[in-house]
Amino acid sequence: MTLAEYFSFLPFGKYAFYIWFSYLVTIITIVILFIRTSSIHKKTFLQLRIKYLREK
């Protein structure tokens, strides 16, 4: 299999821009959600740790 045959699916005809743009938007959205969720989780965990350490 040649390199050209391997990447033959990339063009998608005249719809390539819309398809690759939608993939890009989806990946960016998932990355942003992951980073944001991770940040919120860390802040919440820290707040809970502070709260329960004060009560002792």
Protein backbone atom coordinates (compact mmCIF):
# COMPACT_ATOMS: atom_id res chain seq x y z
CA MET A 1 0.00 0.00 0.00
CA THR A 2 1.42 3.35 -0.99
CA LEU A 3 1.19 6.54 1.01
CA ALA A 4 -1.23 8.03 -1.53
CA GLU A 5 -3.57 5.06 -1.13
CA TYR A 6 -3.35 5.30 2.63
CA PHE A 7 -4.44 8.97 2.70
CA SER A 8 -6.99 8.72 -0.11
CA PHE A 9 -9.89 9.22 2.33
CA LEU A 10 -8.75 12.72 3.36
CA PRO A 11 -10.21 14.86 0.53
CA PHE A 12 -13.93 13.87 1.00
CA GLY A 13 -14.72 15.50 -2.33
CA LYS A 14 -16.21 18.98 -2.21
CA TYR A 15 -17.30 18.57 1.43
CA ALA A 16 -13.80 18.29 2.88
CA PHE A 17 -13.83 21.73 4.52
CA TYR A 18 -17.11 21.09 6.36
CA ILE A 19 -16.16 17.60 7.47
CA TRP A 20 -12.68 18.48 8.76
CA PHE A 21 -13.97 21.69 10.34
CA SER A 22 -16.62 19.72 12.24
CA TYR A 23 -13.97 17.24 13.42
CA LEU A 24 -11.80 20.14 14.58
CA VAL A 25 -14.68 21.81 16.45
CA THR A 26 -15.59 18.51 18.10
CA ILE A 27 -12.02 17.82 19.24
CA ILE A 28 -11.57 21.37 20.55
CA THR A 29 -14.87 21.13 22.45
CA ILE A 30 -13.92 17.82 24.05
CA VAL A 31 -10.48 19.12 25.06
CA ILE A 32 -11.97 22.30 26.57
CA LEU A 33 -14.57 20.28 28.49
CA PHE A 34 -11.89 17.93 29.80
CA ILE A 35 -9.62 20.75 30.95
CA ARG A 36 -12.50 22.68 32.50
CA THR A 37 -13.89 19.64 34.30
CA SER A 38 -10.46 18.77 35.62
CA SER A 39 -10.00 22.31 36.91
CA ILE A 40 -13.41 22.35 38.59
CA HIS A 41 -12.72 18.96 40.16
CA LYS A 42 -9.40 20.15 41.60
CA LYS A 43 -10.97 23.32 43.01
CA THR A 44 -13.86 21.42 44.56
CA PHE A 45 -11.56 18.83 46.08
CA LEU A 46 -9.38 21.58 47.56
CA GLN A 47 -12.41 23.41 48.99
CA LEU A 48 -13.71 20.21 50.58
CA ARG A 49 -10.30 19.42 52.02
CA ILE A 50 -10.07 22.91 53.56
CA LYS A 51 -13.61 22.67 54.91
CA TYR A 52 -13.12 19.31 56.60
CA LEU A 53 -9.68 20.13 57.98
CA ARG A 54 -11.12 23.15 59.79
CA GLU A 55 -13.82 21.11 61.51
CA LYS A 56 -11.37 18.84 63.35
